[in-house]
Protein backbone atom coordinates (compact mmCIF):
# COMPACT_ATOMS: atom_id res chain seq x y z
CA MET A 1 18.14 -9.07 26.89
CA ASP A 2 16.15 -11.50 24.70
CA ARG A 3 18.97 -12.87 22.44
CA ALA A 4 16.69 -15.06 20.44
CA GLU A 5 14.22 -12.29 19.68
CA LEU A 6 16.96 -9.69 18.92
CA ALA A 7 18.69 -12.17 16.54
CA ALA A 8 15.44 -12.96 14.70
CA PHE A 9 14.39 -9.31 14.51
CA LEU A 10 17.81 -8.24 13.04
CA ARG A 11 17.81 -11.11 10.56
CA ARG A 12 14.26 -10.43 9.34
CA ARG A 13 14.83 -6.69 8.93
CA ARG A 14 18.08 -7.35 7.08
CA GLU A 15 16.53 -9.90 4.73
CA GLU A 16 13.56 -7.53 3.93
CA LEU A 17 15.92 -4.74 2.73
CA ARG A 18 17.22 -4.61 -0.82
CA PRO A 19 20.56 -3.13 -1.76
CA SER A 20 18.84 -0.41 -3.76
CA ASP A 21 16.95 0.54 -0.54
CA VAL A 22 20.14 1.73 1.05
CA GLY A 23 21.96 2.98 -2.03
CA LEU A 24 24.13 -0.09 -2.67
CA PRO A 25 24.70 -1.86 -5.97
CA VAL A 26 22.94 -5.20 -6.46
CA GLY A 27 26.06 -6.95 -7.73
CA ALA A 28 26.20 -9.88 -10.22
CA ARG A 29 26.91 -12.65 -7.74
CA ARG A 30 24.22 -11.94 -5.12
CA ARG A 31 22.34 -15.14 -4.33
CA ALA A 32 19.75 -13.61 -1.93
CA ASN A 33 17.66 -10.46 -2.27
CA GLY A 34 18.35 -9.16 1.28
CA LEU A 35 21.39 -7.32 2.49
CA ARG A 36 24.52 -9.25 3.48
CA ARG A 37 25.68 -9.17 7.11
CA GLU A 38 28.85 -7.33 6.10
CA GLU A 39 26.71 -4.62 4.34
CA VAL A 40 24.65 -3.97 7.50
CA ALA A 41 27.81 -3.84 9.55
CA SER A 42 29.39 -1.38 7.23
CA LEU A 43 26.29 0.88 7.26
CA ALA A 44 26.28 0.79 11.10
CA ALA A 45 30.11 1.39 11.28
CA MET A 46 30.71 -1.86 13.25
CA SER A 47 32.69 -5.02 12.56
CA THR A 48 31.09 -7.79 10.60
CA ASP A 49 32.06 -10.22 13.33
CA TYR A 50 30.20 -8.19 15.96
CA TYR A 51 27.07 -8.01 13.94
CA THR A 52 27.25 -11.71 12.98
CA ARG A 53 27.46 -12.66 16.61
CA LEU A 54 24.27 -10.62 17.42
CA GLU A 55 22.41 -12.59 14.73
CA GLN A 56 23.78 -15.85 16.06
CA GLN A 57 22.71 -15.08 19.62
CA ARG A 58 26.30 -15.00 20.79
CA GLY A 59 27.02 -11.24 21.01
CA PRO A 60 27.29 -8.94 24.15
CA GLN A 61 24.48 -6.63 24.97
CA PRO A 62 24.63 -3.70 22.53
CA SER A 63 25.02 -0.22 23.83
CA GLU A 64 22.50 2.48 23.13
CA GLN A 65 24.91 4.00 20.58
CA MET A 66 25.27 0.71 18.81
CA LEU A 67 21.54 0.15 18.73
CA ALA A 68 20.92 3.61 17.34
CA ALA A 69 23.43 2.85 14.59
CA LEU A 70 21.71 -0.43 13.77
CA ALA A 71 18.36 1.27 13.71
CA ARG A 72 19.71 3.75 11.17
CA ALA A 73 21.48 1.11 9.08
CA LEU A 74 18.29 -1.07 8.88
CA ARG A 75 16.11 1.98 8.13
CA LEU A 76 13.84 1.25 11.08
CA THR A 77 10.73 3.25 11.86
CA ASP A 78 10.36 4.88 15.22
CA ASP A 79 8.25 1.97 16.53
CA GLU A 80 10.74 -0.57 15.17
CA ARG A 81 13.63 1.34 16.71
CA ASP A 82 11.89 1.30 20.17
CA TYR A 83 11.30 -2.40 19.85
CA LEU A 84 14.95 -3.01 18.94
CA PHE A 85 16.05 -1.22 22.14
CA ARG A 86 13.62 -3.19 24.31
CA VAL A 87 14.51 -6.68 23.00
CA ALA A 88 18.11 -5.72 23.49
CA GLY A 89 17.37 -5.09 27.19
CA ARG A 90 17.57 -1.30 26.99
CA ASN A 91 14.98 1.28 27.88
CA ALA A 92 13.09 3.08 25.22
CA PRO A 93 15.52 5.52 23.49
CA SER A 94 16.31 8.64 25.45
CA PRO A 95 15.13 12.03 23.98
CA GLN A 96 18.61 12.62 22.61
CA VAL A 97 18.73 9.28 20.76
CA THR A 98 15.13 9.85 19.56
CA ALA A 99 15.99 13.30 18.23
CA THR A 100 19.00 12.02 16.26
CA HIS A 101 17.30 8.92 14.76
CA VAL A 102 17.30 9.63 11.07
CA ALA A 103 13.84 9.86 9.56
CA PRO A 104 13.60 6.85 7.17
CA ALA A 105 11.85 8.85 4.43
CA LEU A 106 14.72 11.39 4.31
CA GLN A 107 17.27 8.59 4.46
CA ARG A 108 15.66 6.88 1.48
CA VAL A 109 16.01 10.08 -0.57
CA LEU A 110 19.64 10.54 0.59
CA ASP A 111 20.48 6.98 -0.38
CA ARG A 112 19.76 7.93 -4.03
CA LEU A 113 21.78 11.11 -4.09
CA ASN A 114 25.13 9.82 -5.28
CA ASP A 115 26.44 12.71 -7.43
CA THR A 116 26.08 15.85 -5.38
CA PRO A 117 26.48 17.00 -1.70
CA ALA A 118 23.57 15.96 0.46
CA LEU A 119 23.15 15.68 4.16
CA ILE A 120 20.52 15.31 6.85
CA LEU A 121 20.51 17.78 9.74
CA SER A 122 18.62 17.99 12.99
CA ASN A 123 16.97 21.29 14.03
CA LEU A 124 19.99 21.94 16.17
CA GLY A 125 22.35 21.88 13.23
CA GLU A 126 23.69 18.35 13.92
CA ILE A 127 24.70 16.45 10.84
CA LEU A 128 22.99 13.17 11.36
CA VAL A 129 24.26 11.52 8.09
CA GLN A 130 26.04 12.77 4.92
CA ASN A 131 27.08 11.37 1.61
CA ARG A 132 30.67 11.34 0.51
CA TYR A 133 30.31 14.60 -1.46
CA ALA A 134 29.00 16.36 1.62
CA GLU A 135 31.76 14.93 3.74
CA ALA A 136 34.37 16.15 1.21
CA LEU A 137 32.79 19.67 1.45
CA TYR A 138 31.97 19.95 5.18
CA GLY A 139 34.40 17.46 6.68
CA ASP A 140 33.73 14.35 8.76
CA SER A 141 31.02 15.18 11.29
CA SER A 142 31.37 11.93 13.27
CA GLN A 143 34.41 13.31 15.18
CA PHE A 144 32.24 15.64 17.24
CA THR A 145 30.61 14.75 20.53
CA GLY A 146 28.35 16.48 23.05
CA LEU A 147 27.25 20.03 22.26
CA ALA A 148 29.98 20.22 19.65
CA ARG A 149 27.87 18.02 17.43
CA SER A 150 25.76 21.05 16.74
CA GLY A 151 26.99 23.23 13.93
CA ILE A 152 25.42 26.23 15.72
CA TYR A 153 27.51 25.59 18.78
CA ARG A 154 30.74 25.25 16.80
CA TRP A 155 29.85 28.39 14.73
CA PHE A 156 30.00 30.53 17.95
CA THR A 157 32.85 28.68 19.70
CA ASN A 158 35.25 27.54 17.08
CA PRO A 159 36.55 30.16 14.55
CA GLU A 160 37.60 27.42 12.09
CA GLU A 161 33.87 26.58 11.56
CA ARG A 162 33.36 29.83 9.69
CA SER A 163 35.98 29.16 7.12
CA ILE A 164 33.44 27.45 4.86
CA TYR A 165 31.67 30.82 4.25
CA PRO A 166 33.20 33.93 2.65
CA GLU A 167 34.09 36.56 5.19
CA HIS A 168 31.47 39.05 3.87
CA ASP A 169 28.73 36.49 4.44
CA ARG A 170 29.47 35.46 8.00
CA ASP A 171 27.38 38.10 9.77
CA ARG A 172 24.35 36.97 7.89
CA GLN A 173 25.11 33.40 8.64
CA SER A 174 25.42 34.17 12.40
CA ARG A 175 21.98 35.68 12.39
CA ALA A 176 20.57 32.74 10.43
CA GLN A 177 22.05 30.29 12.90
CA VAL A 178 20.51 31.99 15.87
CA ALA A 179 17.16 32.51 14.14
CA ASN A 180 17.00 28.78 13.37
CA LEU A 181 17.92 27.91 16.96
CA ARG A 182 15.14 30.13 18.25
CA ALA A 183 12.66 28.26 16.18
CA ALA A 184 13.88 24.95 17.58
CA TYR A 185 13.87 26.44 21.14
CA ALA A 186 10.21 27.41 20.69
CA ALA A 187 9.30 23.91 19.52
CA MET A 188 11.39 21.94 22.04
CA GLY A 189 11.06 24.12 25.17
CA ALA A 190 13.47 25.63 27.69
CA LYS A 191 14.33 22.29 29.34
CA SER A 192 15.26 20.62 26.09
CA ARG A 193 18.63 20.19 24.38
CA ALA A 194 17.79 23.42 22.48
CA GLY A 195 17.44 25.21 25.84
CA GLU A 196 20.72 23.84 27.04
CA LEU A 197 22.37 25.00 23.87
CA VAL A 198 21.05 28.53 24.32
CA ARG A 199 22.15 28.74 27.92
CA VAL A 200 25.63 27.55 27.15
CA LEU A 201 26.06 29.86 24.20
CA GLN A 202 24.80 32.86 26.17
CA ARG A 203 27.64 32.25 28.60
CA GLU A 204 30.34 31.42 26.00
CA SER A 205 29.65 33.80 23.14
CA ALA A 206 28.94 37.59 23.52
CA GLU A 207 28.07 37.65 19.86
CA PHE A 208 25.45 34.92 20.26
CA ALA A 209 23.97 36.68 23.31
CA SER A 210 23.66 39.91 21.34
CA ILE A 211 21.99 38.28 18.36
CA TRP A 212 19.79 36.19 20.61
CA ASP A 213 18.35 39.38 22.11
CA ARG A 214 17.06 40.49 18.68
CA HIS A 215 14.42 37.73 18.91
CA GLU A 216 14.63 36.80 15.18
CA VAL A 217 12.98 33.56 14.23
CA SER A 218 13.29 31.65 11.03
CA LYS A 219 13.51 28.14 9.57
CA ARG A 220 14.48 29.29 6.11
CA PHE A 221 17.71 28.37 4.50
CA GLU A 222 19.25 30.47 1.70
CA ASP A 223 18.27 29.22 -1.79
CA HIS A 224 21.63 30.30 -3.16
CA LYS A 225 24.93 30.65 -1.35
CA VAL A 226 28.72 30.57 -1.76
CA LEU A 227 30.77 28.01 0.06
CA VAL A 228 34.46 27.87 0.39
CA HIS A 229 36.50 24.60 0.02
CA PRO A 230 40.14 24.63 1.17
CA GLN A 231 41.41 23.31 -2.15
CA LEU A 232 38.70 24.23 -4.68
CA GLY A 233 37.97 27.68 -3.47
CA GLU A 234 34.53 29.33 -3.79
CA ILE A 235 31.68 27.19 -5.02
CA GLU A 236 28.31 28.88 -5.79
CA VAL A 237 25.56 26.35 -4.98
CA ASP A 238 21.76 26.19 -5.03
CA CYS A 239 20.20 24.82 -1.89
CA GLN A 240 17.07 22.70 -1.70
CA ALA A 241 15.70 21.76 1.70
CA LEU A 242 13.20 18.99 2.52
CA PHE A 243 11.83 18.84 6.04
CA THR A 244 10.12 16.13 8.00
CA GLU A 245 6.49 16.85 8.98
CA ASP A 246 7.50 17.95 12.49
CA GLN A 247 10.27 20.05 11.10
CA SER A 248 12.84 18.31 13.38
CA GLN A 249 15.05 17.10 10.55
CA MET A 250 15.97 18.47 7.17
CA LEU A 251 17.49 16.99 4.04
CA LEU A 252 19.80 19.57 2.44
CA VAL A 253 20.83 19.09 -1.19
CA LEU A 254 23.44 21.27 -2.84
CA THR A 255 23.58 21.53 -6.65
CA ALA A 256 24.94 23.70 -9.38
CA PRO A 257 23.79 24.20 -13.02
CA PRO A 258 25.42 21.82 -15.49
CA ARG A 259 28.38 23.04 -17.50
CA THR A 260 29.34 25.62 -14.96
CA GLU A 261 32.59 26.01 -12.97
CA ALA A 262 30.64 25.31 -9.78
CA PHE A 263 29.15 22.08 -11.27
CA ASP A 264 32.68 20.89 -12.16
CA LYS A 265 33.93 21.65 -8.64
CA LEU A 266 31.08 19.70 -7.08
CA GLN A 267 31.93 16.73 -9.28
CA LEU A 268 35.56 16.97 -8.28
CA LEU A 269 34.54 16.59 -4.69
CA GLY A 270 33.63 12.99 -5.48
CA VAL A 271 37.21 12.35 -6.63
CA LEU A 272 38.91 14.47 -3.98
CA GLY A 273 36.99 13.02 -0.99
CA THR A 274 38.40 14.19 2.37
CA GLU A 275 41.97 14.09 1.12
CA ASN A 276 43.98 17.15 0.22
CA PHE A 277 45.43 17.77 -3.13
CA VAL A 278 49.11 17.12 -3.33
CA SER A 279 50.96 20.32 -4.51
C-alpha cells in the first residue's frame, strides 16, 4: 500500500470535484471549490474520521468494498478506479466489483434528478444507486447481499418482492425479468454471474425454469406501468431508460404528468421517505 500516493490521489480527486458535480448545494460559507472531506465520506457511506485518516496517510488499508465506495463517491472512471485499487495495495477490481462500479456518465445524470424516482440498475437487476424518491418507492437496496442483490433473484425467491406490482401484472413481469436475464446471460456467458444466477434459479424456482425454457430475450422495459406503494397505493408512472454503451447498466427514471394524482403521489414520496404514515 502506497499511503502517500493514495492520500495525494484522493485529495486531488476530491479537490477537482464541485458540489454541483455530485448533486450537492454549494452553500454560502464554502471557502474552497472542491468537496469537503465530510461530503466525500457521506457519499461513500463511511465516517469522516476514517476518510480523513486516509488523506493524512494514517488510515488502515481499505477493503475492496471501501475502495469501490470511494470510487463511486469520487465519480472515478474505470481507469481511475483501477489505479485507486492498486495504490491501496489491492489487485485490480474483481469482475463483480467492476460490474457494479456505477458508470460516471449515468451517475452525473442521476445527481441532477432530485424531484422524481431515479435509480441505476445493473443488467442483473441490481440497484447500484438510487435517489431518495426511488428508495421511498422501492425500499433500501443496501440491505441485500450476494445473489439477493439481484431483483431478478428476489422476484423468484421472495414473494414480498412482487408486492410493488398489481397482481394482474405479475405474470408479465416474471416473463420480462427472465427475458432481460437471458440477454445478460448471452452477453456475459455461462461462467459469469449471470450464469450462476440462472443455475441457482433453475434449482430454486419451478416458475423461473418454465419461463427460461421459452427462450424469450429482451432488454426492453415497459414505457408505462403501475407500481404499488404500501401507503400511497397504485401509482401510474412513465418509464424512461438510458443505457450505457455496453448495455451493462441502465438509468431508470419514473415520472408522471403534472397536475395528476400520480404526480402528486410521486412528490409525496419525497416527504414520506422510507417512513410509514402514522395512522
